[in-house]
């Protein structure tokens, strides 16, 4: 199953690698680099999942996932350099379903996407 994924990441190289890899996995990707650009995507398009950095130049990925969950029934994957328990708890409280630490383990990310696709009634090829 092809997922519609919004990637929210302010670091250009990381964003390019993520979008390229997720596209290679067969998904349709939109990419934002700020809270504001992510919110604009959420108003214009439906997504199955968001993969979002927590630290963004104009706010937090927590703002993005709260608005995304309010607007759409989707799954949130938080990406952060910090994986302490309080960071994970804050992300979950905001609405993230998964919490991955950077550098991203792409096998783990693929497993998460397979779980999301399965929950949406399909499987990733």
Protein backbone atom coordinates (compact mmCIF):
# COMPACT_ATOMS: atom_id res chain seq x y z
CA UNK A 1 0.00 0.00 0.00
CA UNK A 2 1.23 3.44 -0.88
CA UNK A 3 0.98 5.86 2.02
CA UNK A 4 0.54 9.61 1.70
CA UNK A 5 3.25 10.93 4.03
CA UNK A 6 4.06 14.45 5.15
CA UNK A 7 7.72 14.80 6.15
CA UNK A 8 8.40 17.80 8.39
CA UNK A 9 12.14 18.40 8.81
CA UNK A 10 14.06 21.68 8.82
CA UNK A 11 17.51 20.21 8.12
CA UNK A 12 17.78 20.16 4.32
CA UNK A 13 20.04 17.11 3.93
CA UNK A 14 17.98 15.05 6.38
CA UNK A 15 14.75 16.09 4.63
CA UNK A 16 16.16 15.11 1.21
CA UNK A 17 17.35 11.71 2.48
CA UNK A 18 14.02 10.98 4.20
CA UNK A 19 11.89 12.00 1.24
CA UNK A 20 14.10 10.07 -1.18
CA UNK A 21 14.06 6.93 0.94
CA UNK A 22 10.33 7.06 1.62
CA UNK A 23 9.70 7.64 -2.08
CA UNK A 24 11.94 4.65 -2.84
CA UNK A 25 9.76 2.62 -0.46
CA UNK A 26 6.87 3.49 -2.80
CA UNK A 27 5.13 6.21 -0.82
CA UNK A 28 3.86 9.58 -1.99
CA UNK A 29 5.73 12.28 -0.11
CA UNK A 30 5.14 15.95 0.64
CA UNK A 31 7.87 17.85 2.49
CA UNK A 32 7.72 20.85 4.80
CA UNK A 33 10.49 22.61 6.71
CA UNK A 34 8.48 24.67 9.23
CA UNK A 35 5.34 24.42 11.33
CA UNK A 36 3.62 26.94 9.06
CA UNK A 37 4.42 25.08 5.83
CA UNK A 38 3.29 21.79 7.43
CA UNK A 39 -0.01 23.37 8.49
CA UNK A 40 -0.52 24.65 4.93
CA UNK A 41 -0.08 21.09 3.61
CA UNK A 42 -2.57 19.78 6.19
CA UNK A 43 -5.18 22.27 4.97
CA UNK A 44 -4.65 21.32 1.32
CA UNK A 45 -4.14 17.54 1.34
CA UNK A 46 -5.00 14.34 3.23
CA UNK A 47 -2.22 12.20 4.70
CA UNK A 48 -1.96 8.73 6.18
CA UNK A 49 1.09 9.63 8.26
CA UNK A 50 3.37 12.45 9.36
CA UNK A 51 7.08 11.92 10.00
CA UNK A 52 8.13 15.04 11.89
CA UNK A 53 11.15 16.48 13.61
CA UNK A 54 10.21 17.88 17.01
CA UNK A 55 12.50 20.91 16.88
CA UNK A 56 11.48 23.30 14.09
CA UNK A 57 12.57 26.91 13.51
CA UNK A 58 9.10 28.37 14.11
CA UNK A 59 7.81 26.00 16.77
CA UNK A 60 7.50 22.32 17.54
CA UNK A 61 6.46 19.17 15.74
CA UNK A 62 4.04 18.77 18.66
CA UNK A 63 2.07 21.73 17.27
CA UNK A 64 1.98 20.02 13.88
CA UNK A 65 0.74 16.67 15.19
CA UNK A 66 -1.93 18.27 17.41
CA UNK A 67 -3.37 20.13 14.43
CA UNK A 68 -2.97 17.09 12.16
CA UNK A 69 -4.87 14.85 14.59
CA UNK A 70 -7.59 17.49 14.92
CA UNK A 71 -8.03 17.70 11.13
CA UNK A 72 -7.30 14.15 9.93
CA UNK A 73 -7.15 10.58 11.18
CA UNK A 74 -3.48 9.89 10.63
CA UNK A 75 -0.48 8.36 12.34
CA UNK A 76 2.36 10.46 13.72
CA UNK A 77 6.03 9.49 13.82
CA UNK A 78 8.24 11.83 15.87
CA UNK A 79 11.91 12.21 14.98
CA UNK A 80 14.24 13.71 17.53
CA UNK A 81 17.86 13.73 18.55
CA UNK A 82 16.70 13.26 22.14
CA UNK A 83 15.06 10.03 23.20
CA UNK A 84 14.69 10.53 26.95
CA UNK A 85 11.50 9.27 28.56
CA UNK A 86 10.11 12.77 29.19
CA UNK A 87 10.61 13.65 25.49
CA UNK A 88 8.77 10.49 24.44
CA UNK A 89 5.97 11.20 26.95
CA UNK A 90 5.62 14.79 25.69
CA UNK A 91 5.45 13.54 22.09
CA UNK A 92 2.84 10.91 22.94
CA UNK A 93 0.77 13.47 24.86
CA UNK A 94 0.81 15.71 21.77
CA UNK A 95 -0.43 12.82 19.59
CA UNK A 96 2.63 11.06 18.17
CA UNK A 97 2.12 7.31 17.87
CA UNK A 98 5.81 6.45 17.37
CA UNK A 99 9.03 8.07 18.55
CA UNK A 100 12.29 7.47 16.67
CA UNK A 101 15.65 8.97 17.54
CA UNK A 102 18.17 10.42 15.11
CA UNK A 103 20.15 9.28 13.35
CA UNK A 104 17.19 7.42 11.92
CA UNK A 105 17.45 3.64 11.74
CA UNK A 106 15.88 3.12 8.31
CA UNK A 107 15.01 -0.52 9.01
CA UNK A 108 13.10 0.62 12.09
CA UNK A 109 11.38 3.36 10.10
CA UNK A 110 10.36 0.84 7.45
CA UNK A 111 8.93 -1.45 10.14
CA UNK A 112 6.90 1.47 11.53
CA UNK A 113 5.60 2.27 8.04
CA UNK A 114 4.61 -1.36 7.52
CA UNK A 115 2.61 -1.20 10.77
CA UNK A 116 0.93 2.00 9.61
CA UNK A 117 0.11 0.51 6.21
CA UNK A 118 -1.26 -2.61 7.88
CA UNK A 119 -3.49 -0.46 10.09
CA UNK A 120 -4.73 1.23 6.89
CA UNK A 121 -5.65 -2.15 5.46
CA UNK A 122 -2.70 -2.78 3.15
CA UNK A 123 0.90 -3.84 3.05
CA UNK A 124 4.01 -2.20 1.74
CA UNK A 125 5.46 -3.93 -1.29
